[in-house]
Amino acid sequence: MEFELLDSYLLGAGPDKPEVVRRLLAAPSSTGAAAPFYEGMRLLGARTPDLSLVALRLVLAGKRADDAAVTHLRAIVERARRGDAAARDDYRAALE
């Protein structure tokens, strides 16, 4: 599983979304809870919402992708994309 790929995209430094989706689908995780997210990516391709990718990242970290966790991680991602250096540490802590 390419956590670095997904992390890089979510934090605003990675490849563009079509490439991320293509690579994620090429090597899907065997985590059962991730299956619906991969199915959504198969159906939506590059139109996959970033929110789905945030939820997928939580699931891949062994976390629950409930509303509170997704909202929290999405807020961290938005901070990171705006250049908040501390957000990267918060991102990693949220996935531990």
N, C-alpha and C. Protein backbone atom coordinates (compact mmCIF):
# COMPACT_ATOMS: atom_id res chain seq x y z
N MET A 1 0.85 -1.19 0.00
CA MET A 1 0.00 0.00 0.00
C MET A 1 0.88 1.24 0.00
N GLU A 2 0.54 2.16 -0.82
CA GLU A 2 1.33 3.38 -0.97
C GLU A 2 0.78 4.50 -0.09
N PHE A 3 1.09 4.43 1.19
CA PHE A 3 0.65 5.50 2.09
C PHE A 3 1.27 6.82 1.69
N GLU A 4 2.54 6.79 1.30
CA GLU A 4 3.24 8.02 0.92
C GLU A 4 2.54 8.72 -0.23
N LEU A 5 2.07 7.96 -1.19
CA LEU A 5 1.35 8.53 -2.34
C LEU A 5 0.10 9.27 -1.87
N LEU A 6 -0.71 8.60 -1.10
CA LEU A 6 -1.97 9.19 -0.63
C LEU A 6 -1.70 10.35 0.32
N ASP A 7 -0.73 10.18 1.22
CA ASP A 7 -0.38 11.27 2.14
C ASP A 7 0.12 12.49 1.37
N SER A 8 0.96 12.26 0.40
CA SER A 8 1.50 13.38 -0.38
C SER A 8 0.39 14.13 -1.10
N TYR A 9 -0.53 13.40 -1.70
CA TYR A 9 -1.65 14.05 -2.39
C TYR A 9 -2.50 14.84 -1.40
N LEU A 10 -2.88 14.20 -0.31
CA LEU A 10 -3.76 14.87 0.64
C LEU A 10 -3.12 16.11 1.25
N LEU A 11 -1.81 16.07 1.45
CA LEU A 11 -1.12 17.21 2.05
C LEU A 11 -0.73 18.26 1.03
N GLY A 12 -1.10 18.04 -0.23
CA GLY A 12 -0.92 19.05 -1.26
C GLY A 12 0.39 19.03 -2.00
N ALA A 13 1.16 17.96 -1.86
CA ALA A 13 2.46 17.92 -2.51
C ALA A 13 2.57 16.81 -3.55
N GLY A 14 1.57 15.99 -3.64
CA GLY A 14 1.68 14.78 -4.45
C GLY A 14 1.27 14.96 -5.89
N PRO A 15 1.22 13.84 -6.58
CA PRO A 15 0.74 13.88 -7.97
C PRO A 15 -0.72 14.30 -8.02
N ASP A 16 -1.21 14.53 -9.22
CA ASP A 16 -2.60 14.94 -9.35
C ASP A 16 -3.54 13.76 -9.07
N LYS A 17 -4.79 14.08 -8.83
CA LYS A 17 -5.75 13.07 -8.41
C LYS A 17 -5.90 11.91 -9.39
N PRO A 18 -5.97 12.15 -10.71
CA PRO A 18 -6.09 10.99 -11.61
C PRO A 18 -4.96 9.98 -11.43
N GLU A 19 -3.74 10.46 -11.22
CA GLU A 19 -2.61 9.56 -11.01
C GLU A 19 -2.74 8.83 -9.68
N VAL A 20 -3.16 9.52 -8.64
CA VAL A 20 -3.33 8.90 -7.33
C VAL A 20 -4.37 7.79 -7.41
N VAL A 21 -5.50 8.08 -8.00
CA VAL A 21 -6.58 7.09 -8.13
C VAL A 21 -6.09 5.90 -8.96
N ARG A 22 -5.42 6.16 -10.06
CA ARG A 22 -4.91 5.08 -10.91
C ARG A 22 -3.98 4.16 -10.12
N ARG A 23 -3.06 4.75 -9.39
CA ARG A 23 -2.08 3.96 -8.64
C ARG A 23 -2.72 3.23 -7.45
N LEU A 24 -3.68 3.86 -6.80
CA LEU A 24 -4.37 3.17 -5.71
C LEU A 24 -5.16 1.97 -6.22
N LEU A 25 -5.80 2.13 -7.35
CA LEU A 25 -6.57 1.02 -7.92
C LEU A 25 -5.66 -0.08 -8.46
N ALA A 26 -4.45 0.26 -8.86
CA ALA A 26 -3.52 -0.73 -9.38
C ALA A 26 -2.98 -1.64 -8.28
N ALA A 27 -2.98 -1.15 -7.05
CA ALA A 27 -2.46 -1.94 -5.93
C ALA A 27 -3.34 -1.72 -4.70
N PRO A 28 -4.57 -2.21 -4.74
CA PRO A 28 -5.49 -1.96 -3.63
C PRO A 28 -5.08 -2.70 -2.35
N SER A 29 -5.46 -2.13 -1.25
CA SER A 29 -5.23 -2.75 0.05
C SER A 29 -6.18 -3.93 0.20
N SER A 30 -5.76 -4.92 0.95
CA SER A 30 -6.62 -6.07 1.20
C SER A 30 -7.51 -5.85 2.42
N THR A 31 -7.39 -4.69 3.04
CA THR A 31 -8.22 -4.34 4.20
C THR A 31 -9.69 -4.33 3.77
N GLY A 32 -10.47 -5.18 4.39
CA GLY A 32 -11.88 -5.31 4.01
C GLY A 32 -12.67 -4.02 4.09
N ALA A 33 -12.38 -3.21 5.10
CA ALA A 33 -13.11 -1.96 5.29
C ALA A 33 -12.82 -0.96 4.18
N ALA A 34 -11.75 -1.18 3.43
CA ALA A 34 -11.39 -0.26 2.35
C ALA A 34 -12.11 -0.58 1.03
N ALA A 35 -12.70 -1.75 0.95
CA ALA A 35 -13.32 -2.20 -0.31
C ALA A 35 -14.34 -1.20 -0.88
N PRO A 36 -15.24 -0.64 -0.08
CA PRO A 36 -16.20 0.31 -0.65
C PRO A 36 -15.54 1.56 -1.24
N PHE A 37 -14.43 1.97 -0.66
CA PHE A 37 -13.72 3.14 -1.18
C PHE A 37 -13.09 2.84 -2.54
N TYR A 38 -12.54 1.64 -2.68
CA TYR A 38 -11.97 1.25 -3.97
C TYR A 38 -13.06 1.12 -5.03
N GLU A 39 -14.21 0.59 -4.63
CA GLU A 39 -15.33 0.49 -5.58
C GLU A 39 -15.76 1.88 -6.03
N GLY A 40 -15.84 2.81 -5.10
CA GLY A 40 -16.18 4.19 -5.46
C GLY A 40 -15.16 4.78 -6.42
N MET A 41 -13.89 4.53 -6.17
CA MET A 41 -12.85 5.04 -7.08
C MET A 41 -12.96 4.41 -8.46
N ARG A 42 -13.31 3.12 -8.50
CA ARG A 42 -13.48 2.46 -9.81
C ARG A 42 -14.61 3.14 -10.60
N LEU A 43 -15.68 3.49 -9.89
CA LEU A 43 -16.83 4.10 -10.54
C LEU A 43 -16.60 5.56 -10.91
N LEU A 44 -15.93 6.31 -10.03
CA LEU A 44 -15.80 7.76 -10.21
C LEU A 44 -14.47 8.21 -10.81
N GLY A 45 -13.47 7.37 -10.73
CA GLY A 45 -12.16 7.74 -11.27
C GLY A 45 -11.66 9.04 -10.66
N ALA A 46 -11.23 9.95 -11.51
CA ALA A 46 -10.67 11.23 -11.06
C ALA A 46 -11.71 12.12 -10.38
N ARG A 47 -12.98 11.77 -10.50
CA ARG A 47 -14.04 12.55 -9.83
C ARG A 47 -14.24 12.10 -8.38
N THR A 48 -13.43 11.14 -7.94
CA THR A 48 -13.52 10.69 -6.55
C THR A 48 -13.32 11.89 -5.63
N PRO A 49 -14.24 12.13 -4.71
CA PRO A 49 -14.09 13.28 -3.81
C PRO A 49 -12.89 13.12 -2.88
N ASP A 50 -12.24 14.22 -2.61
CA ASP A 50 -11.12 14.20 -1.67
C ASP A 50 -11.57 13.67 -0.31
N LEU A 51 -12.80 13.95 0.06
CA LEU A 51 -13.33 13.47 1.33
C LEU A 51 -13.29 11.94 1.39
N SER A 52 -13.54 11.28 0.27
CA SER A 52 -13.45 9.82 0.22
C SER A 52 -12.01 9.36 0.41
N LEU A 53 -11.08 10.11 -0.15
CA LEU A 53 -9.67 9.75 0.01
C LEU A 53 -9.22 9.97 1.45
N VAL A 54 -9.74 10.99 2.10
CA VAL A 54 -9.45 11.22 3.52
C VAL A 54 -9.99 10.04 4.34
N ALA A 55 -11.21 9.63 4.07
CA ALA A 55 -11.81 8.50 4.80
C ALA A 55 -11.04 7.21 4.52
N LEU A 56 -10.63 7.01 3.28
CA LEU A 56 -9.83 5.83 2.94
C LEU A 56 -8.53 5.82 3.73
N ARG A 57 -7.90 6.96 3.84
CA ARG A 57 -6.62 7.02 4.57
C ARG A 57 -6.81 6.64 6.02
N LEU A 58 -7.91 7.07 6.63
CA LEU A 58 -8.20 6.68 8.00
C LEU A 58 -8.37 5.17 8.11
N VAL A 59 -9.14 4.60 7.20
CA VAL A 59 -9.38 3.16 7.22
C VAL A 59 -8.07 2.40 7.04
N LEU A 60 -7.22 2.88 6.16
CA LEU A 60 -5.94 2.20 5.93
C LEU A 60 -5.01 2.29 7.14
N ALA A 61 -5.24 3.28 7.99
CA ALA A 61 -4.46 3.42 9.21
C ALA A 61 -5.09 2.60 10.36
N GLY A 62 -6.17 1.89 10.05
CA GLY A 62 -6.82 1.09 11.07
C GLY A 62 -7.77 1.89 11.95
N LYS A 63 -8.13 3.07 11.48
CA LYS A 63 -9.02 3.96 12.24
C LYS A 63 -10.44 3.86 11.69
N ARG A 64 -11.39 4.30 12.49
CA ARG A 64 -12.77 4.39 12.03
C ARG A 64 -12.91 5.65 11.18
N ALA A 65 -13.64 5.53 10.11
CA ALA A 65 -13.89 6.68 9.24
C ALA A 65 -15.28 7.24 9.54
N ASP A 66 -15.51 7.53 10.82
CA ASP A 66 -16.80 8.12 11.18
C ASP A 66 -16.75 9.63 10.90
N ASP A 67 -17.89 10.28 11.04
CA ASP A 67 -17.99 11.71 10.70
C ASP A 67 -16.97 12.56 11.44
N ALA A 68 -16.82 12.32 12.73
CA ALA A 68 -15.90 13.14 13.53
C ALA A 68 -14.46 12.97 13.07
N ALA A 69 -14.04 11.74 12.82
CA ALA A 69 -12.66 11.49 12.41
C ALA A 69 -12.38 12.06 11.03
N VAL A 70 -13.31 11.88 10.10
CA VAL A 70 -13.13 12.40 8.74
C VAL A 70 -13.10 13.92 8.75
N THR A 71 -14.01 14.53 9.49
CA THR A 71 -14.05 15.99 9.58
C THR A 71 -12.76 16.54 10.19
N HIS A 72 -12.28 15.88 11.23
CA HIS A 72 -11.05 16.30 11.88
C HIS A 72 -9.86 16.21 10.92
N LEU A 73 -9.72 15.06 10.25
CA LEU A 73 -8.58 14.89 9.34
C LEU A 73 -8.70 15.82 8.13
N ARG A 74 -9.91 16.03 7.65
CA ARG A 74 -10.09 16.95 6.52
C ARG A 74 -9.64 18.36 6.90
N ALA A 75 -9.96 18.80 8.10
CA ALA A 75 -9.54 20.12 8.56
C ALA A 75 -8.01 20.22 8.62
N ILE A 76 -7.38 19.16 9.05
CA ILE A 76 -5.91 19.14 9.09
C ILE A 76 -5.35 19.21 7.67
N VAL A 77 -5.94 18.45 6.77
CA VAL A 77 -5.50 18.45 5.36
C VAL A 77 -5.63 19.86 4.78
N GLU A 78 -6.74 20.51 5.04
CA GLU A 78 -6.93 21.88 4.53
C GLU A 78 -5.89 22.83 5.08
N ARG A 79 -5.56 22.68 6.36
CA ARG A 79 -4.50 23.52 6.95
C ARG A 79 -3.16 23.26 6.27
N ALA A 80 -2.86 22.01 6.04
CA ALA A 80 -1.58 21.66 5.39
C ALA A 80 -1.51 22.23 3.99
N ARG A 81 -2.61 22.16 3.26
CA ARG A 81 -2.63 22.68 1.90
C ARG A 81 -2.49 24.20 1.86
N ARG A 82 -2.83 24.86 2.96
CA ARG A 82 -2.65 26.31 3.05
C ARG A 82 -1.26 26.68 3.54
N GLY A 83 -0.42 25.67 3.80
CA GLY A 83 0.96 25.94 4.18
C GLY A 83 1.26 25.90 5.66
N ASP A 84 0.32 25.45 6.47
CA ASP A 84 0.53 25.35 7.91
C ASP A 84 1.45 24.16 8.19
N ALA A 85 2.71 24.44 8.52
CA ALA A 85 3.71 23.39 8.73
C ALA A 85 3.33 22.46 9.88
N ALA A 86 2.71 22.98 10.92
CA ALA A 86 2.32 22.16 12.07
C ALA A 86 1.25 21.14 11.70
N ALA A 87 0.51 21.40 10.64
CA ALA A 87 -0.56 20.49 10.23
C ALA A 87 -0.02 19.13 9.84
N ARG A 88 1.17 19.07 9.31
CA ARG A 88 1.76 17.78 8.93
C ARG A 88 1.96 16.89 10.16
N ASP A 89 2.42 17.48 11.25
CA ASP A 89 2.58 16.72 12.49
C ASP A 89 1.21 16.29 13.02
N ASP A 90 0.24 17.16 12.93
CA ASP A 90 -1.12 16.83 13.38
C ASP A 90 -1.70 15.70 12.53
N TYR A 91 -1.41 15.73 11.24
CA TYR A 91 -1.88 14.69 10.32
C TYR A 91 -1.33 13.33 10.74
N ARG A 92 -0.04 13.28 10.95
CA ARG A 92 0.61 12.02 11.35
C ARG A 92 0.06 11.53 12.71
N ALA A 93 -0.12 12.46 13.64
CA ALA A 93 -0.66 12.10 14.96
C ALA A 93 -2.08 11.55 14.85
N ALA A 94 -2.88 12.11 13.96
CA ALA A 94 -4.26 11.65 13.79
C ALA A 94 -4.32 10.25 13.22
N LEU A 95 -3.27 9.82 12.54
CA LEU A 95 -3.25 8.50 11.92
C LEU A 95 -2.52 7.45 12.75
N GLU A 96 -1.98 7.85 13.90
CA GLU A 96 -1.26 6.88 14.75
C GLU A 96 -2.21 6.01 15.51
